[in-house]
Amino acid sequence: MIEDEKELEEILAEAVRVSESTALKTLVYKFSPQGITGVVLLAESHIAIHTWPELNYTAIDLFTCGDKSRPEKALEYLKRELRPQRVEIKKIKRGRSTF
């Protein structure tokens, strides 16, 4: 499980790259005594990772819009990198189809 701020920042940067998204700002916060959260604000929305080591649980939110981003590529990368024992995916279509 990720507990290092620099490592999480690098993982998030690669997730952005493989998803063909545009990073605007990255914030990583290490909780005491454990747990870490990293968020990348994207031009297309955001990617967030939150960990709860005491529960052996990591939550990932990939939220993108537009035709350019490929969040499924980021998800595949994160699964390879983090090697979870189990993955549960909830795909939610947000907003209206036309604005």
N, C-alpha and C. Protein backbone atom coordinates (compact mmCIF):
# COMPACT_ATOMS: atom_id res chain seq x y z
N MET A 1 0.85 -1.18 0.00
CA MET A 1 0.00 0.00 0.00
C MET A 1 0.89 1.24 0.00
N ILE A 2 0.47 2.23 -0.72
CA ILE A 2 1.23 3.48 -0.82
C ILE A 2 1.16 4.23 0.51
N GLU A 3 2.31 4.66 0.98
CA GLU A 3 2.36 5.52 2.16
C GLU A 3 3.34 6.67 1.97
N ASP A 4 4.02 6.69 0.83
CA ASP A 4 5.06 7.68 0.55
C ASP A 4 4.50 8.75 -0.40
N GLU A 5 4.65 10.01 0.00
CA GLU A 5 4.09 11.12 -0.78
C GLU A 5 4.68 11.21 -2.18
N LYS A 6 5.99 11.07 -2.29
CA LYS A 6 6.67 11.16 -3.59
C LYS A 6 6.22 10.01 -4.50
N GLU A 7 6.11 8.80 -3.95
CA GLU A 7 5.66 7.65 -4.73
C GLU A 7 4.25 7.87 -5.26
N LEU A 8 3.36 8.37 -4.42
CA LEU A 8 1.98 8.61 -4.84
C LEU A 8 1.95 9.69 -5.93
N GLU A 9 2.75 10.72 -5.77
CA GLU A 9 2.82 11.78 -6.78
C GLU A 9 3.26 11.22 -8.13
N GLU A 10 4.24 10.33 -8.12
CA GLU A 10 4.74 9.71 -9.36
C GLU A 10 3.68 8.80 -9.99
N ILE A 11 2.99 8.04 -9.17
CA ILE A 11 1.93 7.16 -9.66
C ILE A 11 0.80 7.99 -10.29
N LEU A 12 0.41 9.06 -9.64
CA LEU A 12 -0.63 9.92 -10.18
C LEU A 12 -0.20 10.54 -11.51
N ALA A 13 1.05 10.99 -11.59
CA ALA A 13 1.55 11.60 -12.83
C ALA A 13 1.50 10.62 -13.99
N GLU A 14 1.86 9.38 -13.72
CA GLU A 14 1.82 8.36 -14.78
C GLU A 14 0.38 8.03 -15.16
N ALA A 15 -0.52 7.99 -14.20
CA ALA A 15 -1.93 7.75 -14.49
C ALA A 15 -2.48 8.85 -15.40
N VAL A 16 -2.08 10.08 -15.14
CA VAL A 16 -2.50 11.20 -15.99
C VAL A 16 -1.94 11.02 -17.40
N ARG A 17 -0.67 10.67 -17.49
CA ARG A 17 -0.03 10.50 -18.79
C ARG A 17 -0.71 9.41 -19.62
N VAL A 18 -0.90 8.23 -19.02
CA VAL A 18 -1.48 7.13 -19.79
C VAL A 18 -2.95 7.36 -20.14
N SER A 19 -3.62 8.19 -19.36
CA SER A 19 -5.02 8.49 -19.65
C SER A 19 -5.17 9.62 -20.67
N GLU A 20 -4.03 10.15 -21.12
CA GLU A 20 -4.03 11.23 -22.12
C GLU A 20 -4.81 12.45 -21.63
N SER A 21 -4.67 12.73 -20.33
CA SER A 21 -5.33 13.87 -19.72
C SER A 21 -4.34 15.00 -19.50
N THR A 22 -4.83 16.14 -19.05
CA THR A 22 -4.00 17.31 -18.82
C THR A 22 -4.03 17.67 -17.34
N ALA A 23 -2.89 17.49 -16.65
CA ALA A 23 -2.79 17.83 -15.23
C ALA A 23 -2.66 19.34 -15.06
N LEU A 24 -3.43 19.87 -14.12
CA LEU A 24 -3.36 21.30 -13.79
C LEU A 24 -2.65 21.51 -12.46
N LYS A 25 -2.94 20.64 -11.48
CA LYS A 25 -2.33 20.77 -10.15
C LYS A 25 -2.45 19.44 -9.43
N THR A 26 -1.41 19.11 -8.65
CA THR A 26 -1.40 17.88 -7.86
C THR A 26 -1.22 18.23 -6.40
N LEU A 27 -1.99 17.57 -5.54
CA LEU A 27 -1.88 17.75 -4.10
C LEU A 27 -1.84 16.38 -3.45
N VAL A 28 -0.85 16.16 -2.59
CA VAL A 28 -0.74 14.91 -1.84
C VAL A 28 -0.65 15.27 -0.37
N TYR A 29 -1.43 14.59 0.45
CA TYR A 29 -1.44 14.85 1.89
C TYR A 29 -1.27 13.53 2.64
N LYS A 30 -0.29 13.47 3.53
CA LYS A 30 -0.01 12.30 4.36
C LYS A 30 -0.65 12.51 5.72
N PHE A 31 -1.52 11.59 6.11
CA PHE A 31 -2.18 11.67 7.41
C PHE A 31 -1.31 11.02 8.48
N SER A 32 -1.51 11.42 9.73
CA SER A 32 -0.80 10.83 10.86
C SER A 32 -1.81 10.09 11.72
N PRO A 33 -1.58 8.86 12.05
CA PRO A 33 -0.35 8.10 11.88
C PRO A 33 -0.24 7.37 10.56
N GLN A 34 -1.35 7.29 9.78
CA GLN A 34 -1.29 6.54 8.52
C GLN A 34 -2.37 7.02 7.58
N GLY A 35 -2.22 6.64 6.34
CA GLY A 35 -3.16 7.03 5.31
C GLY A 35 -2.60 8.17 4.49
N ILE A 36 -3.00 8.20 3.23
CA ILE A 36 -2.52 9.24 2.33
C ILE A 36 -3.59 9.49 1.28
N THR A 37 -3.67 10.74 0.84
CA THR A 37 -4.60 11.13 -0.21
C THR A 37 -3.84 11.91 -1.25
N GLY A 38 -4.10 11.59 -2.51
CA GLY A 38 -3.52 12.35 -3.61
C GLY A 38 -4.60 12.68 -4.61
N VAL A 39 -4.58 13.92 -5.08
CA VAL A 39 -5.58 14.37 -6.04
C VAL A 39 -4.87 15.14 -7.15
N VAL A 40 -5.23 14.83 -8.39
CA VAL A 40 -4.76 15.60 -9.52
C VAL A 40 -5.96 16.30 -10.13
N LEU A 41 -5.91 17.60 -10.14
CA LEU A 41 -6.92 18.39 -10.83
C LEU A 41 -6.58 18.35 -12.31
N LEU A 42 -7.51 17.89 -13.11
CA LEU A 42 -7.30 17.78 -14.55
C LEU A 42 -8.10 18.85 -15.29
N ALA A 43 -7.66 19.20 -16.45
CA ALA A 43 -8.48 20.06 -17.31
C ALA A 43 -9.79 19.34 -17.60
N GLU A 44 -9.75 18.00 -17.57
CA GLU A 44 -10.91 17.16 -17.85
C GLU A 44 -11.66 16.74 -16.59
N SER A 45 -11.24 17.07 -15.40
CA SER A 45 -11.86 16.83 -14.10
C SER A 45 -10.82 16.45 -13.05
N HIS A 46 -10.77 15.15 -12.59
CA HIS A 46 -9.79 14.81 -11.56
C HIS A 46 -9.52 13.31 -11.47
N ILE A 47 -8.39 12.98 -10.84
CA ILE A 47 -8.04 11.62 -10.43
C ILE A 47 -7.69 11.73 -8.95
N ALA A 48 -8.28 10.87 -8.12
CA ALA A 48 -7.99 10.90 -6.68
C ALA A 48 -7.73 9.49 -6.17
N ILE A 49 -6.78 9.40 -5.23
CA ILE A 49 -6.49 8.13 -4.56
C ILE A 49 -6.49 8.41 -3.06
N HIS A 50 -7.22 7.59 -2.31
CA HIS A 50 -7.29 7.71 -0.85
C HIS A 50 -6.97 6.34 -0.25
N THR A 51 -6.13 6.30 0.77
CA THR A 51 -5.82 5.01 1.40
C THR A 51 -6.22 4.99 2.87
N TRP A 52 -6.62 3.81 3.32
CA TRP A 52 -6.92 3.51 4.70
C TRP A 52 -6.14 2.24 5.05
N PRO A 53 -4.85 2.36 5.42
CA PRO A 53 -4.03 1.18 5.70
C PRO A 53 -4.60 0.28 6.78
N GLU A 54 -5.25 0.87 7.78
CA GLU A 54 -5.80 0.08 8.88
C GLU A 54 -6.92 -0.84 8.40
N LEU A 55 -7.50 -0.52 7.25
CA LEU A 55 -8.55 -1.35 6.66
C LEU A 55 -8.06 -2.10 5.43
N ASN A 56 -6.78 -1.89 5.08
CA ASN A 56 -6.21 -2.47 3.87
C ASN A 56 -7.08 -2.10 2.66
N TYR A 57 -7.41 -0.81 2.57
CA TYR A 57 -8.37 -0.33 1.57
C TYR A 57 -7.83 0.91 0.86
N THR A 58 -7.98 0.92 -0.45
CA THR A 58 -7.63 2.08 -1.27
C THR A 58 -8.82 2.38 -2.17
N ALA A 59 -9.21 3.65 -2.22
CA ALA A 59 -10.29 4.09 -3.10
C ALA A 59 -9.69 4.99 -4.18
N ILE A 60 -10.14 4.78 -5.40
CA ILE A 60 -9.67 5.56 -6.54
C ILE A 60 -10.88 6.14 -7.24
N ASP A 61 -10.81 7.42 -7.55
CA ASP A 61 -11.87 8.07 -8.31
C ASP A 61 -11.25 8.62 -9.58
N LEU A 62 -11.74 8.15 -10.72
CA LEU A 62 -11.32 8.65 -12.03
C LEU A 62 -12.53 9.34 -12.64
N PHE A 63 -12.50 10.65 -12.70
CA PHE A 63 -13.64 11.40 -13.20
C PHE A 63 -13.14 12.26 -14.35
N THR A 64 -13.59 11.96 -15.56
CA THR A 64 -13.16 12.74 -16.72
C THR A 64 -14.35 13.08 -17.60
N CYS A 65 -14.15 14.07 -18.42
CA CYS A 65 -15.18 14.46 -19.37
C CYS A 65 -14.51 14.75 -20.71
N GLY A 66 -15.29 14.84 -21.72
CA GLY A 66 -14.77 15.11 -23.05
C GLY A 66 -14.40 13.83 -23.78
N ASP A 67 -13.97 13.99 -25.00
CA ASP A 67 -13.65 12.84 -25.85
C ASP A 67 -12.19 12.45 -25.81
N LYS A 68 -11.33 13.31 -25.28
CA LYS A 68 -9.88 13.08 -25.33
C LYS A 68 -9.39 12.09 -24.27
N SER A 69 -9.84 12.21 -23.05
CA SER A 69 -9.33 11.40 -21.93
C SER A 69 -9.68 9.93 -22.08
N ARG A 70 -8.80 9.10 -21.57
CA ARG A 70 -8.99 7.64 -21.57
C ARG A 70 -8.83 7.12 -20.15
N PRO A 71 -9.85 7.32 -19.28
CA PRO A 71 -9.74 6.90 -17.89
C PRO A 71 -9.54 5.40 -17.73
N GLU A 72 -10.03 4.60 -18.68
CA GLU A 72 -9.84 3.15 -18.61
C GLU A 72 -8.36 2.78 -18.69
N LYS A 73 -7.56 3.56 -19.41
CA LYS A 73 -6.12 3.32 -19.47
C LYS A 73 -5.47 3.62 -18.12
N ALA A 74 -5.92 4.68 -17.46
CA ALA A 74 -5.40 5.00 -16.13
C ALA A 74 -5.76 3.89 -15.15
N LEU A 75 -6.98 3.38 -15.24
CA LEU A 75 -7.40 2.31 -14.35
C LEU A 75 -6.55 1.06 -14.54
N GLU A 76 -6.30 0.68 -15.78
CA GLU A 76 -5.46 -0.50 -16.04
C GLU A 76 -4.05 -0.30 -15.49
N TYR A 77 -3.49 0.90 -15.67
CA TYR A 77 -2.17 1.21 -15.12
C TYR A 77 -2.19 1.09 -13.60
N LEU A 78 -3.18 1.69 -12.95
CA LEU A 78 -3.26 1.67 -11.49
C LEU A 78 -3.43 0.25 -10.95
N LYS A 79 -4.18 -0.57 -11.64
CA LYS A 79 -4.32 -1.97 -11.23
C LYS A 79 -2.98 -2.70 -11.32
N ARG A 80 -2.22 -2.46 -12.39
CA ARG A 80 -0.89 -3.09 -12.51
C ARG A 80 0.06 -2.58 -11.43
N GLU A 81 0.01 -1.29 -11.17
CA GLU A 81 0.93 -0.67 -10.21
C GLU A 81 0.62 -1.04 -8.76
N LEU A 82 -0.65 -1.02 -8.39
CA LEU A 82 -1.06 -1.22 -7.00
C LEU A 82 -1.35 -2.68 -6.66
N ARG A 83 -1.56 -3.51 -7.67
CA ARG A 83 -1.80 -4.95 -7.50
C ARG A 83 -2.83 -5.25 -6.39
N PRO A 84 -4.05 -4.75 -6.55
CA PRO A 84 -5.07 -5.02 -5.53
C PRO A 84 -5.51 -6.48 -5.53
N GLN A 85 -5.94 -6.95 -4.38
CA GLN A 85 -6.47 -8.31 -4.28
C GLN A 85 -7.85 -8.39 -4.92
N ARG A 86 -8.57 -7.29 -4.88
CA ARG A 86 -9.93 -7.24 -5.40
C ARG A 86 -10.20 -5.85 -5.95
N VAL A 87 -10.94 -5.80 -7.03
CA VAL A 87 -11.31 -4.52 -7.64
C VAL A 87 -12.83 -4.48 -7.81
N GLU A 88 -13.42 -3.40 -7.38
CA GLU A 88 -14.85 -3.18 -7.57
C GLU A 88 -15.00 -1.88 -8.34
N ILE A 89 -15.63 -1.95 -9.49
CA ILE A 89 -15.77 -0.78 -10.35
C ILE A 89 -17.23 -0.34 -10.37
N LYS A 90 -17.42 0.96 -10.16
CA LYS A 90 -18.75 1.55 -10.28
C LYS A 90 -18.63 2.65 -11.33
N LYS A 91 -19.22 2.44 -12.47
CA LYS A 91 -19.17 3.42 -13.55
C LYS A 91 -20.43 4.25 -13.47
N ILE A 92 -20.24 5.55 -13.34
CA ILE A 92 -21.36 6.47 -13.19
C ILE A 92 -21.31 7.50 -14.30
N LYS A 93 -22.37 7.60 -15.04
CA LYS A 93 -22.47 8.63 -16.07
C LYS A 93 -23.05 9.87 -15.41
N ARG A 94 -22.26 10.91 -15.33
CA ARG A 94 -22.70 12.11 -14.65
C ARG A 94 -23.10 13.19 -15.66
N GLY A 95 -23.97 14.04 -15.24
CA GLY A 95 -24.37 15.16 -16.07
C GLY A 95 -25.31 14.76 -17.19
N ARG A 96 -25.60 15.72 -18.02
CA ARG A 96 -26.48 15.48 -19.17
C ARG A 96 -25.64 15.15 -20.39
N SER A 97 -26.25 14.53 -21.37
CA SER A 97 -25.52 14.17 -22.59
C SER A 97 -25.21 15.39 -23.44
N THR A 98 -26.00 16.44 -23.33
CA THR A 98 -25.73 17.69 -24.06
C THR A 98 -25.89 18.85 -23.10
N PHE A 99 -25.09 19.86 -23.30
CA PHE A 99 -25.16 21.04 -22.43
C PHE A 99 -25.63 22.24 -23.20
